[in-house]
C-alpha atoms as a PDB file:
ATOM      1  CA  MET A   1       0.000   0.000   0.000  1.00  0.00           C
ATOM      2  CA  LYS A   2       1.400   3.418  -0.981  1.00  0.00           C
ATOM      3  CA  ALA A   3       1.567   6.269   1.472  1.00  0.00           C
ATOM      4  CA  SER A   4      -0.364   9.357   0.497  1.00  0.00           C
ATOM      5  CA  ARG A   5       1.376  12.610  -0.387  1.00  0.00           C
ATOM      6  CA  LYS A   6       0.152  14.202   2.832  1.00  0.00           C
ATOM      7  CA  THR A   7       1.691  11.411   4.906  1.00  0.00           C
ATOM      8  CA  LYS A   8       5.029  11.748   3.100  1.00  0.00           C
ATOM      9  CA  THR A   9       5.022  15.508   3.621  1.00  0.00           C
ATOM     10  CA  LEU A  10       4.308  15.159   7.334  1.00  0.00           C
ATOM     11  CA  LYS A  11       7.023  12.525   7.729  1.00  0.00           C
ATOM     12  CA  HIS A  12       9.542  14.765   5.956  1.00  0.00           C
ATOM     13  CA  ALA A  13       8.538  17.708   8.167  1.00  0.00           C
ATOM     14  CA  ARG A  14       9.052  15.638  11.334  1.00  0.00           C
ATOM     15  CA  ILE A  15      12.511  14.541  10.192  1.00  0.00           C
ATOM     16  CA  HIS A  16      13.430  18.118   9.289  1.00  0.00           C
ATOM     17  CA  GLU A  17      12.355  19.357  12.738  1.00  0.00           C
ATOM     18  CA  ARG A  18      14.439  16.650  14.395  1.00  0.00           C
ATOM     19  CA  VAL A  19      17.510  17.630  12.371  1.00  0.00           C
ATOM     20  CA  ARG A  20      17.019  21.348  13.093  1.00  0.00           C
ATOM     21  CA  LYS A  21      16.920  20.697  16.846  1.00  0.00           C
ATOM     22  CA  LYS A  22      20.496  19.454  16.616  1.00  0.00           C
ATOM     23  CA  VAL A  23      21.907  21.683  13.859  1.00  0.00           C
ATOM     24  CA  SER A  24      22.397  25.398  14.336  1.00  0.00           C
ATOM     25  CA  GLY A  25      24.658  27.838  12.550  1.00  0.00           C
ATOM     26  CA  SER A  26      26.777  30.347  14.420  1.00  0.00           C
ATOM     27  CA  GLY A  27      29.089  33.128  13.365  1.00  0.00           C
ATOM     28  CA  GLU A  28      32.079  30.768  13.394  1.00  0.00           C
ATOM     29  CA  ARG A  29      30.281  27.849  11.698  1.00  0.00           C
ATOM     30  CA  PRO A  30      27.222  28.941   9.717  1.00  0.00           C
ATOM     31  CA  ARG A  31      24.624  26.414   8.534  1.00  0.00           C
ATOM     32  CA  LEU A  32      24.637  25.109   4.949  1.00  0.00           C
ATOM     33  CA  THR A  33      21.086  24.185   3.937  1.00  0.00           C
ATOM     34  CA  VAL A  34      19.911  22.377   0.824  1.00  0.00           C
ATOM     35  CA  SER A  35      16.467  22.325  -0.709  1.00  0.00           C
ATOM     36  CA  PHE A  36      15.114  20.690  -3.824  1.00  0.00           C
ATOM     37  CA  THR A  37      11.938  21.246  -5.798  1.00  0.00           C
ATOM     38  CA  GLY A  38      10.775  19.353  -8.836  1.00  0.00           C
ATOM     39  CA  GLN A  39      12.707  21.702 -11.099  1.00  0.00           C
ATOM     40  CA  HIS A  40      15.392  23.494  -9.091  1.00  0.00           C
ATOM     41  CA  ILE A  41      18.122  23.181  -6.481  1.00  0.00           C
ATOM     42  CA  TYR A  42      18.679  25.750  -3.740  1.00  0.00           C
ATOM     43  CA  ALA A  43      21.605  25.994  -1.297  1.00  0.00           C
ATOM     44  CA  GLN A  44      22.283  28.658   1.309  1.00  0.00           C
ATOM     45  CA  ILE A  45      24.803  29.384   4.012  1.00  0.00           C
ATOM     46  CA  ILE A  46      22.987  30.973   6.950  1.00  0.00           C
ATOM     47  CA  ASP A  47      24.199  32.581  10.175  1.00  0.00           C
ATOM     48  CA  ASP A  48      21.415  31.682  12.610  1.00  0.00           C
ATOM     49  CA  THR A  49      22.620  33.980  15.392  1.00  0.00           C
ATOM     50  CA  ALA A  50      22.292  37.048  13.147  1.00  0.00           C
ATOM     51  CA  SER A  51      19.403  35.554  11.101  1.00  0.00           C
ATOM     52  CA  LYS A  52      21.189  36.439   7.861  1.00  0.00           C
ATOM     53  CA  THR A  53      21.901  34.558   4.672  1.00  0.00           C
ATOM     54  CA  ILE A  54      25.605  34.875   3.930  1.00  0.00           C
ATOM     55  CA  VAL A  55      25.745  33.094   0.558  1.00  0.00           C
ATOM     56  CA  SER A  56      23.104  31.520  -1.650  1.00  0.00           C
ATOM     57  CA  VAL A  57      23.147  29.630  -4.936  1.00  0.00           C
ATOM     58  CA  ASN A  58      20.270  28.200  -6.933  1.00  0.00           C
ATOM     59  CA  THR A  59      19.637  26.924 -10.422  1.00  0.00           C
ATOM     60  CA  THR A  60      17.301  29.831 -11.229  1.00  0.00           C
ATOM     61  CA  GLU A  61      19.978  32.523 -11.124  1.00  0.00           C
ATOM     62  CA  LYS A  62      21.651  33.938 -14.221  1.00  0.00           C
ATOM     63  CA  ALA A  63      24.997  32.229 -13.599  1.00  0.00           C
ATOM     64  CA  LEU A  64      23.355  28.787 -13.943  1.00  0.00           C
ATOM     65  CA  ALA A  65      20.029  29.451 -15.695  1.00  0.00           C
ATOM     66  CA  GLY A  66      21.547  29.419 -19.177  1.00  0.00           C
ATOM     67  CA  GLU A  67      22.577  25.793 -18.757  1.00  0.00           C
ATOM     68  CA  LYS A  68      18.992  24.472 -18.307  1.00  0.00           C
ATOM     69  CA  LEU A  69      19.906  22.407 -15.273  1.00  0.00           C
ATOM     70  CA  ALA A  70      17.534  19.747 -13.957  1.00  0.00           C
ATOM     71  CA  PRO A  71      17.485  18.845 -10.243  1.00  0.00           C
ATOM     72  CA  ASN A  72      19.877  15.920 -10.570  1.00  0.00           C
ATOM     73  CA  VAL A  73      23.331  14.875  -9.349  1.00  0.00           C
ATOM     74  CA  LYS A  74      25.139  16.748 -12.134  1.00  0.00           C
ATOM     75  CA  SER A  75      23.406  20.021 -11.290  1.00  0.00           C
ATOM     76  CA  ALA A  76      23.867  19.498  -7.551  1.00  0.00           C
ATOM     77  CA  THR A  77      27.605  19.160  -8.152  1.00  0.00           C
ATOM     78  CA  LYS A  78      27.695  22.487 -10.014  1.00  0.00           C
ATOM     79  CA  VAL A  79      25.651  24.217  -7.302  1.00  0.00           C
ATOM     80  CA  GLY A  80      27.926  22.823  -4.561  1.00  0.00           C
ATOM     81  CA  SER A  81      31.118  23.954  -6.250  1.00  0.00           C
ATOM     82  CA  LEU A  82      29.710  27.430  -6.983  1.00  0.00           C
ATOM     83  CA  LEU A  83      28.544  27.714  -3.364  1.00  0.00           C
ATOM     84  CA  ALA A  84      32.035  26.864  -2.079  1.00  0.00           C
ATOM     85  CA  GLU A  85      33.569  29.407  -4.439  1.00  0.00           C
ATOM     86  CA  ARG A  86      31.220  32.161  -3.233  1.00  0.00           C
ATOM     87  CA  ALA A  87      31.755  31.175   0.403  1.00  0.00           C
ATOM     88  CA  LYS A  88      35.510  31.614  -0.028  1.00  0.00           C
ATOM     89  CA  GLY A  89      34.806  35.141  -1.252  1.00  0.00           C
ATOM     90  CA  LYS A  90      32.919  35.847   1.987  1.00  0.00           C
ATOM     91  CA  ASN A  91      35.686  34.270   4.130  1.00  0.00           C
ATOM     92  CA  VAL A  92      33.582  31.272   5.168  1.00  0.00           C
ATOM     93  CA  SER A  93      35.565  28.064   5.410  1.00  0.00           C
ATOM     94  CA  ALA A  94      33.748  25.924   8.007  1.00  0.00           C
ATOM     95  CA  VAL A  95      30.015  25.189   8.007  1.00  0.00           C
ATOM     96  CA  VAL A  96      27.489  22.858   9.606  1.00  0.00           C
ATOM     97  CA  PHE A  97      25.592  20.769   7.049  1.00  0.00           C
ATOM     98  CA  ASP A  98      21.776  20.758   7.290  1.00  0.00           C
ATOM     99  CA  ARG A  99      20.411  18.121   4.934  1.00  0.00           C
ATOM    100  CA  GLY A 100      16.879  19.395   5.524  1.00  0.00           C
ATOM    101  CA  GLY A 101      15.359  16.049   6.430  1.00  0.00           C
ATOM    102  CA  LEU A 102      16.543  14.479   3.191  1.00  0.00           C
ATOM    103  CA  GLN A 103      18.585  11.298   3.003  1.00  0.00           C
ATOM    104  CA  TYR A 104      22.320  11.833   2.636  1.00  0.00           C
ATOM    105  CA  HIS A 105      22.349  10.138  -0.742  1.00  0.00           C
ATOM    106  CA  GLY A 106      22.294  11.100  -4.423  1.00  0.00           C
ATOM    107  CA  LYS A 107      21.817  14.825  -4.991  1.00  0.00           C
ATOM    108  CA  VAL A 108      22.414  15.776  -1.364  1.00  0.00           C
ATOM    109  CA  LYS A 109      25.657  13.804  -1.213  1.00  0.00           C
ATOM    110  CA  ALA A 110      26.812  15.190  -4.583  1.00  0.00           C
ATOM    111  CA  LEU A 111      26.233  18.774  -3.449  1.00  0.00           C
ATOM    112  CA  ALA A 112      28.043  18.156  -0.145  1.00  0.00           C
ATOM    113  CA  ASP A 113      31.004  16.463  -1.819  1.00  0.00           C
ATOM    114  CA  ALA A 114      31.359  19.284  -4.363  1.00  0.00           C
ATOM    115  CA  ALA A 115      31.268  21.875  -1.568  1.00  0.00           C
ATOM    116  CA  ARG A 116      33.957  19.943   0.324  1.00  0.00           C
ATOM    117  CA  GLU A 117      36.135  19.742  -2.778  1.00  0.00           C
ATOM    118  CA  GLY A 118      35.662  23.484  -3.218  1.00  0.00           C
ATOM    119  CA  GLY A 119      37.161  24.135   0.206  1.00  0.00           C
ATOM    120  CA  LEU A 120      34.319  24.059   2.737  1.00  0.00           C
ATOM    121  CA  ASN A 121      34.930  22.050   5.902  1.00  0.00           C
ATOM    122  CA  PHE A 122      32.076  20.089   7.518  1.00  0.00           C
END
């Protein structure tokens, strides 16, 4: 028997809340969040103490929009490397990874690995 969409959404929300209880970004180690929709990938580095977004990258912006990226592993790798590059420009080298209730597999893992290769420590 398949679970309904509402049940899946509630389960994902519960997992996300559980992760957010444990993960918090500070000035020294801001939080790297990932989010996926059916068409796009979003990643942000957030300082939770100041409630400010330090760096953000998504597939809708001009730097990546011309490539017609789908929300897959290849695109997640590009987003992760671009995020690490921009973070270096803002003098951010260490972050806390917030997978947003998603499994650390596939797109999430690809984005994290690309960010690590780009110089972010987590």
